[in-house]
Amino acid sequence: MCLAIPGKIIAISGEPGAQTAEVDYGPLRRTAQLLYLPEVRVGDYVLVQAGFAMRRLSEEEAREAIELVEEAGAIPPAAPAP
């Protein structure tokens, strides 16, 4: 089973049709392919599965999904703000 993880795009690079995004998952940052979502922009939340951004999420949807993923133990909880 493969789990889709929500994250926030913090950077986009590459040529149109071959762009990648740096995605912030709280304690982790990873690269995701934007082949299926070429319209996303920095600051957007996306659901990433198998290294591909599969769906854009609203901020509210992303926060709910992040809480569920943290509860499931798939990613560590975000550190509280100072």
N, C-alpha and C. Protein backbone atom coordinates (compact mmCIF):
# COMPACT_ATOMS: atom_id res chain seq x y z
N MET A 1 0.85 -1.18 0.00
CA MET A 1 0.00 0.00 0.00
C MET A 1 0.89 1.24 0.00
N CYS A 2 0.49 2.23 -0.74
CA CYS A 2 1.24 3.48 -0.84
C CYS A 2 0.39 4.60 -0.26
N LEU A 3 0.98 5.37 0.62
CA LEU A 3 0.26 6.45 1.29
C LEU A 3 0.53 7.77 0.60
N ALA A 4 -0.52 8.53 0.30
CA ALA A 4 -0.36 9.87 -0.26
C ALA A 4 -0.15 10.84 0.89
N ILE A 5 0.85 11.69 0.78
CA ILE A 5 1.23 12.60 1.86
C ILE A 5 0.98 14.04 1.42
N PRO A 6 0.33 14.86 2.27
CA PRO A 6 0.13 16.27 1.94
C PRO A 6 1.35 17.09 2.30
N GLY A 7 1.62 18.11 1.48
CA GLY A 7 2.73 19.01 1.76
C GLY A 7 2.54 20.33 1.04
N LYS A 8 3.40 21.29 1.38
CA LYS A 8 3.32 22.63 0.81
C LYS A 8 4.50 22.85 -0.14
N ILE A 9 4.21 23.35 -1.33
CA ILE A 9 5.26 23.62 -2.32
C ILE A 9 6.03 24.87 -1.88
N ILE A 10 7.35 24.72 -1.78
CA ILE A 10 8.18 25.86 -1.38
C ILE A 10 9.09 26.34 -2.50
N ALA A 11 9.25 25.52 -3.55
CA ALA A 11 10.06 25.94 -4.70
C ALA A 11 9.69 25.07 -5.90
N ILE A 12 9.80 25.64 -7.09
CA ILE A 12 9.55 24.93 -8.33
C ILE A 12 10.73 25.16 -9.26
N SER A 13 11.17 24.09 -9.92
CA SER A 13 12.29 24.23 -10.86
C SER A 13 12.04 23.35 -12.08
N GLY A 14 12.84 23.60 -13.12
CA GLY A 14 12.76 22.80 -14.34
C GLY A 14 11.96 23.49 -15.43
N GLU A 15 11.99 22.86 -16.58
CA GLU A 15 11.31 23.37 -17.76
C GLU A 15 9.85 22.93 -17.76
N PRO A 16 8.95 23.71 -18.38
CA PRO A 16 7.55 23.27 -18.51
C PRO A 16 7.48 21.86 -19.08
N GLY A 17 6.64 21.03 -18.49
CA GLY A 17 6.53 19.63 -18.90
C GLY A 17 7.46 18.70 -18.15
N ALA A 18 8.44 19.28 -17.46
CA ALA A 18 9.39 18.47 -16.69
C ALA A 18 9.72 19.16 -15.36
N GLN A 19 8.76 19.87 -14.82
CA GLN A 19 9.01 20.61 -13.58
C GLN A 19 8.92 19.72 -12.36
N THR A 20 9.70 20.09 -11.36
CA THR A 20 9.65 19.44 -10.06
C THR A 20 9.44 20.52 -9.00
N ALA A 21 8.94 20.07 -7.85
CA ALA A 21 8.71 20.98 -6.74
C ALA A 21 9.44 20.47 -5.51
N GLU A 22 9.95 21.40 -4.73
CA GLU A 22 10.43 21.04 -3.40
C GLU A 22 9.22 21.17 -2.49
N VAL A 23 8.88 20.09 -1.80
CA VAL A 23 7.68 20.05 -0.98
C VAL A 23 8.06 19.92 0.49
N ASP A 24 7.46 20.78 1.30
CA ASP A 24 7.70 20.81 2.74
C ASP A 24 6.63 19.96 3.43
N TYR A 25 7.08 18.93 4.14
CA TYR A 25 6.18 18.05 4.87
C TYR A 25 6.30 18.27 6.38
N GLY A 26 6.70 19.45 6.79
CA GLY A 26 6.92 19.71 8.21
C GLY A 26 8.36 19.43 8.55
N PRO A 27 8.64 18.25 9.12
CA PRO A 27 10.03 17.96 9.47
C PRO A 27 10.88 17.49 8.28
N LEU A 28 10.25 17.22 7.14
CA LEU A 28 10.95 16.71 5.96
C LEU A 28 10.69 17.57 4.75
N ARG A 29 11.65 17.54 3.82
CA ARG A 29 11.47 18.18 2.51
C ARG A 29 11.91 17.19 1.46
N ARG A 30 11.08 17.07 0.43
CA ARG A 30 11.37 16.14 -0.66
C ARG A 30 10.99 16.76 -1.99
N THR A 31 11.49 16.16 -3.07
CA THR A 31 11.16 16.60 -4.41
C THR A 31 10.00 15.78 -4.95
N ALA A 32 9.08 16.45 -5.65
CA ALA A 32 7.94 15.77 -6.28
C ALA A 32 7.84 16.23 -7.73
N GLN A 33 7.47 15.32 -8.60
CA GLN A 33 7.24 15.61 -10.01
C GLN A 33 5.91 16.35 -10.16
N LEU A 34 5.84 17.33 -11.06
CA LEU A 34 4.62 18.10 -11.30
C LEU A 34 3.96 17.76 -12.64
N LEU A 35 4.25 16.59 -13.16
CA LEU A 35 3.72 16.17 -14.45
C LEU A 35 2.20 16.25 -14.50
N TYR A 36 1.51 15.86 -13.43
CA TYR A 36 0.05 15.83 -13.41
C TYR A 36 -0.58 17.15 -12.96
N LEU A 37 0.21 18.04 -12.39
CA LEU A 37 -0.30 19.33 -11.89
C LEU A 37 0.61 20.48 -12.31
N PRO A 38 0.76 20.72 -13.61
CA PRO A 38 1.68 21.77 -14.04
C PRO A 38 1.23 23.17 -13.64
N GLU A 39 -0.04 23.34 -13.23
CA GLU A 39 -0.56 24.67 -12.88
C GLU A 39 -0.29 25.09 -11.44
N VAL A 40 0.23 24.20 -10.60
CA VAL A 40 0.44 24.58 -9.19
C VAL A 40 1.54 25.62 -9.07
N ARG A 41 1.50 26.35 -7.98
CA ARG A 41 2.45 27.44 -7.72
C ARG A 41 3.04 27.29 -6.32
N VAL A 42 4.13 28.01 -6.08
CA VAL A 42 4.73 28.06 -4.75
C VAL A 42 3.67 28.54 -3.76
N GLY A 43 3.57 27.84 -2.63
CA GLY A 43 2.57 28.17 -1.62
C GLY A 43 1.36 27.28 -1.66
N ASP A 44 1.15 26.56 -2.79
CA ASP A 44 0.03 25.63 -2.90
C ASP A 44 0.32 24.38 -2.07
N TYR A 45 -0.75 23.76 -1.59
CA TYR A 45 -0.65 22.46 -0.92
C TYR A 45 -1.02 21.39 -1.93
N VAL A 46 -0.28 20.28 -1.89
CA VAL A 46 -0.52 19.17 -2.82
C VAL A 46 -0.49 17.85 -2.06
N LEU A 47 -1.13 16.87 -2.65
CA LEU A 47 -1.09 15.50 -2.16
C LEU A 47 -0.10 14.75 -3.05
N VAL A 48 0.94 14.18 -2.46
CA VAL A 48 2.00 13.53 -3.22
C VAL A 48 1.97 12.03 -2.97
N GLN A 49 2.00 11.27 -4.05
CA GLN A 49 2.03 9.82 -3.96
C GLN A 49 3.07 9.29 -4.93
N ALA A 50 3.94 8.44 -4.44
CA ALA A 50 4.98 7.82 -5.27
C ALA A 50 5.83 8.86 -6.00
N GLY A 51 6.06 10.01 -5.36
CA GLY A 51 6.92 11.03 -5.94
C GLY A 51 6.25 11.98 -6.92
N PHE A 52 4.94 11.84 -7.11
CA PHE A 52 4.19 12.70 -8.03
C PHE A 52 3.13 13.49 -7.27
N ALA A 53 3.05 14.79 -7.52
CA ALA A 53 1.96 15.61 -6.98
C ALA A 53 0.71 15.19 -7.75
N MET A 54 -0.29 14.67 -7.02
CA MET A 54 -1.47 14.11 -7.67
C MET A 54 -2.70 15.00 -7.59
N ARG A 55 -2.76 15.86 -6.56
CA ARG A 55 -3.96 16.69 -6.36
C ARG A 55 -3.60 17.93 -5.57
N ARG A 56 -4.16 19.06 -5.98
CA ARG A 56 -4.00 20.29 -5.21
C ARG A 56 -5.04 20.28 -4.09
N LEU A 57 -4.65 20.75 -2.91
CA LEU A 57 -5.54 20.81 -1.75
C LEU A 57 -5.72 22.24 -1.29
N SER A 58 -6.88 22.54 -0.72
CA SER A 58 -7.04 23.83 -0.05
C SER A 58 -6.23 23.76 1.24
N GLU A 59 -5.96 24.91 1.84
CA GLU A 59 -5.20 24.92 3.08
C GLU A 59 -5.93 24.12 4.16
N GLU A 60 -7.25 24.25 4.21
CA GLU A 60 -8.03 23.52 5.22
C GLU A 60 -7.93 22.00 4.99
N GLU A 61 -8.09 21.56 3.73
CA GLU A 61 -7.97 20.14 3.42
C GLU A 61 -6.57 19.62 3.79
N ALA A 62 -5.56 20.42 3.49
CA ALA A 62 -4.19 20.02 3.78
C ALA A 62 -3.97 19.87 5.28
N ARG A 63 -4.45 20.82 6.08
CA ARG A 63 -4.27 20.73 7.53
C ARG A 63 -4.96 19.50 8.11
N GLU A 64 -6.17 19.21 7.63
CA GLU A 64 -6.89 18.02 8.09
C GLU A 64 -6.12 16.75 7.71
N ALA A 65 -5.63 16.69 6.47
CA ALA A 65 -4.90 15.52 6.00
C ALA A 65 -3.59 15.36 6.77
N ILE A 66 -2.90 16.47 7.04
CA ILE A 66 -1.64 16.41 7.79
C ILE A 66 -1.89 15.85 9.18
N GLU A 67 -2.96 16.29 9.84
CA GLU A 67 -3.29 15.77 11.17
C GLU A 67 -3.51 14.26 11.11
N LEU A 68 -4.24 13.79 10.11
CA LEU A 68 -4.50 12.36 9.98
C LEU A 68 -3.22 11.57 9.73
N VAL A 69 -2.34 12.09 8.89
CA VAL A 69 -1.08 11.40 8.59
C VAL A 69 -0.20 11.37 9.84
N GLU A 70 -0.18 12.45 10.60
CA GLU A 70 0.59 12.47 11.85
C GLU A 70 0.03 11.45 12.84
N GLU A 71 -1.29 11.41 12.97
CA GLU A 71 -1.93 10.44 13.88
C GLU A 71 -1.60 9.01 13.49
N ALA A 72 -1.53 8.75 12.19
CA ALA A 72 -1.21 7.42 11.70
C ALA A 72 0.28 7.08 11.89
N GLY A 73 1.08 8.09 12.22
CA GLY A 73 2.51 7.88 12.44
C GLY A 73 3.35 7.85 11.18
N ALA A 74 2.76 8.28 10.05
CA ALA A 74 3.49 8.27 8.78
C ALA A 74 4.53 9.38 8.71
N ILE A 75 4.28 10.51 9.38
CA ILE A 75 5.27 11.57 9.52
C ILE A 75 5.25 12.04 10.96
N PRO A 76 6.40 12.52 11.47
CA PRO A 76 6.41 13.01 12.84
C PRO A 76 5.59 14.29 12.96
N PRO A 77 4.96 14.52 14.12
CA PRO A 77 4.21 15.77 14.30
C PRO A 77 5.10 17.00 14.14
N ALA A 78 4.52 18.06 13.64
CA ALA A 78 5.26 19.33 13.50
C ALA A 78 5.60 19.86 14.88
N ALA A 79 6.74 20.48 14.98
CA ALA A 79 7.14 21.08 16.26
C ALA A 79 6.26 22.29 16.54
N PRO A 80 5.89 22.51 17.81
CA PRO A 80 5.08 23.70 18.12
C PRO A 80 5.84 24.97 17.80
N ALA A 81 5.10 26.00 17.39
CA ALA A 81 5.71 27.29 17.09
C ALA A 81 6.30 27.90 18.37
N PRO A 82 7.47 28.55 18.26
CA PRO A 82 8.10 29.15 19.45
C PRO A 82 7.32 30.34 19.99
